């Protein structure tokens, strides 16, 4: 298979570029993803804390439409 120049790839329609980007991302193993997109440990801890809080009380979650309304977006 011949290589395709990046300039040609950038001319693809948006959906095809997105599919290509996702295929490239999916081709990385966990270690490769972690190296490519490092996440701050404090951020991970906050995500873990919020997930635990949600699991303890899932009914406290707001529907996305309500969040948008409160933010004045919907």
N, C-alpha and C. Protein backbone atom coordinates (compact mmCIF):
# COMPACT_ATOMS: atom_id res chain seq x y z
N UNK A 1 0.84 -1.18 0.00
CA UNK A 1 0.00 0.00 0.00
C UNK A 1 0.88 1.24 0.00
N UNK A 2 0.63 2.15 -0.89
CA UNK A 2 1.41 3.38 -0.99
C UNK A 2 1.00 4.36 0.10
N UNK A 3 1.96 5.13 0.57
CA UNK A 3 1.68 6.14 1.59
C UNK A 3 0.89 7.29 0.98
N UNK A 4 -0.01 7.85 1.78
CA UNK A 4 -0.80 9.00 1.34
C UNK A 4 -0.24 10.25 2.01
N UNK A 5 0.11 11.25 1.22
CA UNK A 5 0.64 12.49 1.83
C UNK A 5 -0.39 13.13 2.78
N UNK A 6 0.09 13.69 3.84
CA UNK A 6 -0.79 14.31 4.84
C UNK A 6 -1.65 15.40 4.21
N UNK A 7 -1.11 16.11 3.21
CA UNK A 7 -1.90 17.16 2.56
C UNK A 7 -3.15 16.58 1.90
N UNK A 8 -3.04 15.36 1.35
CA UNK A 8 -4.21 14.71 0.76
C UNK A 8 -5.20 14.32 1.85
N UNK A 9 -4.69 13.81 2.96
CA UNK A 9 -5.57 13.41 4.06
C UNK A 9 -6.33 14.60 4.63
N UNK A 10 -5.69 15.75 4.68
CA UNK A 10 -6.34 16.94 5.22
C UNK A 10 -7.45 17.45 4.32
N UNK A 11 -7.51 16.98 3.10
CA UNK A 11 -8.56 17.38 2.16
C UNK A 11 -9.80 16.48 2.26
N UNK A 12 -9.70 15.40 3.03
CA UNK A 12 -10.85 14.51 3.20
C UNK A 12 -12.00 15.26 3.88
N UNK A 13 -13.23 14.83 3.65
CA UNK A 13 -14.36 15.43 4.36
C UNK A 13 -14.19 15.25 5.87
N UNK A 14 -14.80 16.12 6.64
CA UNK A 14 -14.67 16.14 8.09
C UNK A 14 -14.93 14.77 8.72
N UNK A 15 -15.99 14.11 8.31
CA UNK A 15 -16.32 12.81 8.88
C UNK A 15 -15.25 11.76 8.63
N UNK A 16 -14.67 11.80 7.44
CA UNK A 16 -13.61 10.84 7.12
C UNK A 16 -12.33 11.15 7.89
N UNK A 17 -12.04 12.45 8.07
CA UNK A 17 -10.86 12.82 8.88
C UNK A 17 -11.05 12.38 10.32
N UNK A 18 -12.27 12.55 10.85
CA UNK A 18 -12.56 12.12 12.22
C UNK A 18 -12.42 10.61 12.35
N UNK A 19 -12.96 9.87 11.39
CA UNK A 19 -12.85 8.41 11.42
C UNK A 19 -11.39 7.99 11.37
N UNK A 20 -10.58 8.66 10.57
CA UNK A 20 -9.15 8.36 10.49
C UNK A 20 -8.46 8.66 11.82
N UNK A 21 -8.79 9.80 12.42
CA UNK A 21 -8.19 10.16 13.71
C UNK A 21 -8.55 9.13 14.77
N UNK A 22 -9.81 8.70 14.79
CA UNK A 22 -10.24 7.71 15.78
C UNK A 22 -9.56 6.37 15.53
N UNK A 23 -9.40 6.00 14.27
CA UNK A 23 -8.72 4.74 13.96
C UNK A 23 -7.27 4.79 14.42
N UNK A 24 -6.62 5.93 14.23
CA UNK A 24 -5.24 6.07 14.69
C UNK A 24 -5.17 6.00 16.21
N UNK A 25 -6.08 6.69 16.90
CA UNK A 25 -6.11 6.66 18.37
C UNK A 25 -6.36 5.24 18.87
N UNK A 26 -7.31 4.55 18.24
CA UNK A 26 -7.64 3.18 18.65
C UNK A 26 -6.49 2.22 18.40
N UNK A 27 -5.57 2.58 17.50
CA UNK A 27 -4.45 1.69 17.21
C UNK A 27 -3.38 1.72 18.30
N UNK A 28 -3.48 2.70 19.22
CA UNK A 28 -2.52 2.79 20.31
C UNK A 28 -2.95 1.88 21.46
N UNK A 29 -1.97 1.27 22.12
CA UNK A 29 -2.30 0.49 23.30
C UNK A 29 -2.46 1.46 24.49
N UNK A 30 -2.82 0.92 25.65
CA UNK A 30 -3.06 1.77 26.83
C UNK A 30 -1.84 2.62 27.16
N UNK A 31 -0.66 2.02 27.11
CA UNK A 31 0.57 2.76 27.43
C UNK A 31 0.78 3.89 26.43
N UNK A 32 0.56 3.60 25.16
CA UNK A 32 0.72 4.63 24.13
C UNK A 32 -0.24 5.78 24.31
N UNK A 33 -1.48 5.46 24.69
CA UNK A 33 -2.46 6.52 24.93
C UNK A 33 -2.07 7.36 26.14
N UNK A 34 -1.60 6.69 27.19
CA UNK A 34 -1.20 7.41 28.40
C UNK A 34 -0.03 8.34 28.13
N UNK A 35 0.90 7.91 27.31
CA UNK A 35 2.03 8.76 26.96
C UNK A 35 1.61 9.91 26.06
N UNK A 36 0.67 9.64 25.16
CA UNK A 36 0.23 10.66 24.21
C UNK A 36 -0.61 11.73 24.88
N UNK A 37 -1.34 11.36 25.91
CA UNK A 37 -2.26 12.28 26.56
C UNK A 37 -2.19 12.10 28.07
N UNK A 38 -1.10 12.57 28.67
CA UNK A 38 -0.96 12.38 30.12
C UNK A 38 -2.03 13.16 30.89
N UNK A 39 -2.51 12.55 31.95
CA UNK A 39 -3.54 13.17 32.78
C UNK A 39 -2.95 13.42 34.16
N UNK A 40 -3.15 14.63 34.64
CA UNK A 40 -2.66 15.04 35.95
C UNK A 40 -3.26 14.13 37.03
N UNK A 41 -2.43 13.61 37.95
CA UNK A 41 -2.96 12.74 39.01
C UNK A 41 -4.06 13.39 39.85
N UNK A 42 -3.96 14.69 40.08
CA UNK A 42 -5.00 15.38 40.86
C UNK A 42 -6.33 15.35 40.11
N UNK A 43 -6.28 15.47 38.79
CA UNK A 43 -7.48 15.41 37.97
C UNK A 43 -8.09 14.00 38.05
N UNK A 44 -7.25 12.98 37.96
CA UNK A 44 -7.72 11.60 38.09
C UNK A 44 -8.38 11.38 39.44
N UNK A 45 -7.78 11.91 40.51
CA UNK A 45 -8.35 11.78 41.84
C UNK A 45 -9.73 12.44 41.93
N UNK A 46 -9.85 13.61 41.31
CA UNK A 46 -11.14 14.32 41.31
C UNK A 46 -12.19 13.53 40.54
N UNK A 47 -11.80 12.97 39.40
CA UNK A 47 -12.74 12.13 38.65
C UNK A 47 -13.18 10.92 39.46
N UNK A 48 -12.23 10.29 40.14
CA UNK A 48 -12.56 9.14 40.99
C UNK A 48 -13.51 9.54 42.11
N UNK A 49 -13.26 10.71 42.73
CA UNK A 49 -14.11 11.19 43.81
C UNK A 49 -15.52 11.43 43.31
N UNK A 50 -15.64 12.08 42.15
CA UNK A 50 -16.97 12.37 41.61
C UNK A 50 -17.70 11.10 41.20
N UNK A 51 -16.98 10.13 40.63
CA UNK A 51 -17.60 8.88 40.24
C UNK A 51 -18.11 8.13 41.47
N UNK A 52 -17.32 8.12 42.55
CA UNK A 52 -17.73 7.46 43.78
C UNK A 52 -18.98 8.15 44.35
N UNK A 53 -19.00 9.48 44.33
CA UNK A 53 -20.17 10.22 44.83
C UNK A 53 -21.40 9.89 43.99
N UNK A 54 -21.23 9.80 42.69
CA UNK A 54 -22.37 9.47 41.83
C UNK A 54 -22.87 8.05 42.11
N UNK A 55 -21.95 7.13 42.30
CA UNK A 55 -22.36 5.74 42.56
C UNK A 55 -23.10 5.62 43.89
N UNK A 56 -22.75 6.47 44.86
CA UNK A 56 -23.44 6.44 46.15
C UNK A 56 -24.84 7.05 46.05
N UNK A 57 -25.00 8.03 45.15
CA UNK A 57 -26.28 8.72 45.05
C UNK A 57 -26.56 9.09 43.58
N UNK A 58 -26.87 8.10 42.73
CA UNK A 58 -27.06 8.40 41.31
C UNK A 58 -28.27 9.28 41.02
N UNK A 59 -29.23 9.33 41.93
CA UNK A 59 -30.41 10.17 41.69
C UNK A 59 -30.11 11.65 41.83
N UNK A 60 -28.95 12.00 42.36
CA UNK A 60 -28.58 13.42 42.50
C UNK A 60 -28.13 14.02 41.18
N UNK A 61 -27.88 13.18 40.18
CA UNK A 61 -27.41 13.67 38.88
C UNK A 61 -28.52 14.45 38.18
N UNK A 62 -28.12 15.48 37.46
CA UNK A 62 -29.08 16.27 36.69
C UNK A 62 -29.05 15.83 35.23
N UNK A 63 -30.21 15.81 34.58
CA UNK A 63 -30.22 15.54 33.14
C UNK A 63 -29.48 16.65 32.39
N UNK A 64 -28.88 16.30 31.27
CA UNK A 64 -28.12 17.28 30.48
C UNK A 64 -28.97 18.49 30.12
N UNK A 65 -30.24 18.28 29.82
CA UNK A 65 -31.11 19.40 29.46
C UNK A 65 -31.24 20.39 30.61
N UNK A 66 -31.28 19.88 31.86
CA UNK A 66 -31.37 20.75 33.03
C UNK A 66 -30.08 21.55 33.22
N UNK A 67 -28.94 20.89 33.01
CA UNK A 67 -27.65 21.59 33.12
C UNK A 67 -27.60 22.72 32.09
N UNK A 68 -28.00 22.42 30.86
CA UNK A 68 -28.01 23.45 29.82
C UNK A 68 -28.92 24.61 30.22
N UNK A 69 -30.10 24.29 30.76
CA UNK A 69 -31.05 25.33 31.15
C UNK A 69 -30.44 26.21 32.23
N UNK A 70 -29.81 25.59 33.24
CA UNK A 70 -29.21 26.36 34.34
C UNK A 70 -28.05 27.23 33.85
N UNK A 71 -27.38 26.79 32.83
CA UNK A 71 -26.27 27.57 32.28
C UNK A 71 -26.75 28.60 31.26
N UNK A 72 -28.03 28.61 30.99
CA UNK A 72 -28.58 29.53 30.01
C UNK A 72 -28.26 29.14 28.57
N UNK A 73 -28.05 27.85 28.34
CA UNK A 73 -27.68 27.38 27.00
C UNK A 73 -28.86 26.76 26.26
N UNK A 74 -29.93 26.53 26.97
CA UNK A 74 -31.04 25.83 26.30
C UNK A 74 -32.38 26.36 26.65
